[in-house]
Amino acid sequence: MLPTVSVPCPYCGERVELMIDEASDLQRYIEDCPVCCRPMEIAIAFDAGGEVLVSAMRDNDA
């Protein structure tokens, strides 16, 4: 099972659970918010210590 993180939607502010694929160093994709259905650009990376760094941005802000 993939680990999950919770981030706020940049549009409506509701928390969204995202699954993290630890096999990939950098991930960037568009996912619709399950609450307001607006497109979020998700960026996932890992720092030198292996900690996950996640950001959710408005699709037009990226």
C-alpha atoms as a PDB file:
ATOM      1  CA  MET A   1       0.000   0.000   0.000  1.00  0.00           C
ATOM      2  CA  LEU A   2       1.319   3.450  -0.909  1.00  0.00           C
ATOM      3  CA  PRO A   3       1.773   6.050   1.857  1.00  0.00           C
ATOM      4  CA  THR A   4      -0.544   9.065   1.854  1.00  0.00           C
ATOM      5  CA  VAL A   5      -0.225  12.751   2.704  1.00  0.00           C
ATOM      6  CA  SER A   6      -2.927  15.331   3.277  1.00  0.00           C
ATOM      7  CA  VAL A   7      -2.714  18.759   1.611  1.00  0.00           C
ATOM      8  CA  PRO A   8      -5.209  21.627   1.398  1.00  0.00           C
ATOM      9  CA  CYS A   9      -6.872  22.314  -1.943  1.00  0.00           C
ATOM     10  CA  PRO A  10      -5.595  25.710  -3.195  1.00  0.00           C
ATOM     11  CA  TYR A  11      -9.147  26.620  -4.278  1.00  0.00           C
ATOM     12  CA  CYS A  12     -11.567  25.485  -1.555  1.00  0.00           C
ATOM     13  CA  GLY A  13      -9.161  24.756   1.322  1.00  0.00           C
ATOM     14  CA  GLU A  14     -10.505  21.256   2.000  1.00  0.00           C
ATOM     15  CA  ARG A  15      -7.900  18.629   2.901  1.00  0.00           C
ATOM     16  CA  VAL A  16      -7.155  16.155   0.109  1.00  0.00           C
ATOM     17  CA  GLU A  17      -5.449  12.783   0.636  1.00  0.00           C
ATOM     18  CA  LEU A  18      -2.759  11.989  -1.949  1.00  0.00           C
ATOM     19  CA  MET A  19      -0.938   8.692  -2.413  1.00  0.00           C
ATOM     20  CA  ILE A  20       2.850   8.970  -2.690  1.00  0.00           C
ATOM     21  CA  ASP A  21       4.818   6.728  -5.041  1.00  0.00           C
ATOM     22  CA  GLU A  22       8.189   6.442  -3.290  1.00  0.00           C
ATOM     23  CA  ALA A  23       9.754   4.763  -6.342  1.00  0.00           C
ATOM     24  CA  SER A  24       9.852   8.077  -8.218  1.00  0.00           C
ATOM     25  CA  ASP A  25      12.074  10.962  -7.052  1.00  0.00           C
ATOM     26  CA  LEU A  26      10.027  13.789  -8.572  1.00  0.00           C
ATOM     27  CA  GLN A  27       6.359  13.710  -9.454  1.00  0.00           C
ATOM     28  CA  ARG A  28       4.276  16.457 -11.038  1.00  0.00           C
ATOM     29  CA  TYR A  29       0.711  15.944 -12.209  1.00  0.00           C
ATOM     30  CA  ILE A  30      -2.776  17.457 -12.372  1.00  0.00           C
ATOM     31  CA  GLU A  31      -5.479  16.065 -10.099  1.00  0.00           C
ATOM     32  CA  ASP A  32      -9.014  17.334  -9.614  1.00  0.00           C
ATOM     33  CA  CYS A  33     -10.055  18.202  -6.068  1.00  0.00           C
ATOM     34  CA  PRO A  34     -12.658  15.621  -4.974  1.00  0.00           C
ATOM     35  CA  VAL A  35     -14.608  18.399  -3.182  1.00  0.00           C
ATOM     36  CA  CYS A  36     -14.725  21.362  -5.616  1.00  0.00           C
ATOM     37  CA  CYS A  37     -13.604  19.487  -8.795  1.00  0.00           C
ATOM     38  CA  ARG A  38     -11.076  22.169  -9.773  1.00  0.00           C
ATOM     39  CA  PRO A  39      -7.672  21.137 -11.202  1.00  0.00           C
ATOM     40  CA  MET A  40      -4.720  21.244  -8.792  1.00  0.00           C
ATOM     41  CA  GLU A  41      -1.120  20.899  -9.919  1.00  0.00           C
ATOM     42  CA  ILE A  42       0.549  18.496  -7.501  1.00  0.00           C
ATOM     43  CA  ALA A  43       4.340  18.514  -7.072  1.00  0.00           C
ATOM     44  CA  ILE A  44       5.979  15.784  -4.980  1.00  0.00           C
ATOM     45  CA  ALA A  45       9.700  15.528  -4.236  1.00  0.00           C
ATOM     46  CA  PHE A  46      11.942  14.046  -1.571  1.00  0.00           C
ATOM     47  CA  ASP A  47      14.636  15.950   0.334  1.00  0.00           C
ATOM     48  CA  ALA A  48      18.128  14.586   1.053  1.00  0.00           C
ATOM     49  CA  GLY A  49      16.859  12.922   4.245  1.00  0.00           C
ATOM     50  CA  GLY A  50      14.058  11.113   2.430  1.00  0.00           C
ATOM     51  CA  GLU A  51      11.265  13.341   3.766  1.00  0.00           C
ATOM     52  CA  VAL A  52       8.433  13.944   1.321  1.00  0.00           C
ATOM     53  CA  LEU A  53       7.781  17.513   0.128  1.00  0.00           C
ATOM     54  CA  VAL A  54       4.323  18.097  -1.351  1.00  0.00           C
ATOM     55  CA  SER A  55       2.736  21.217  -2.789  1.00  0.00           C
ATOM     56  CA  ALA A  56      -0.675  21.734  -4.351  1.00  0.00           C
ATOM     57  CA  MET A  57      -1.051  24.794  -6.569  1.00  0.00           C
ATOM     58  CA  ARG A  58      -3.781  26.243  -8.721  1.00  0.00           C
ATOM     59  CA  ASP A  59      -3.365  24.833 -12.199  1.00  0.00           C
ATOM     60  CA  ASN A  60      -2.951  28.326 -13.683  1.00  0.00           C
ATOM     61  CA  ASP A  61      -0.329  29.357 -11.046  1.00  0.00           C
ATOM     62  CA  ALA A  62       2.220  26.685 -11.929  1.00  0.00           C
END
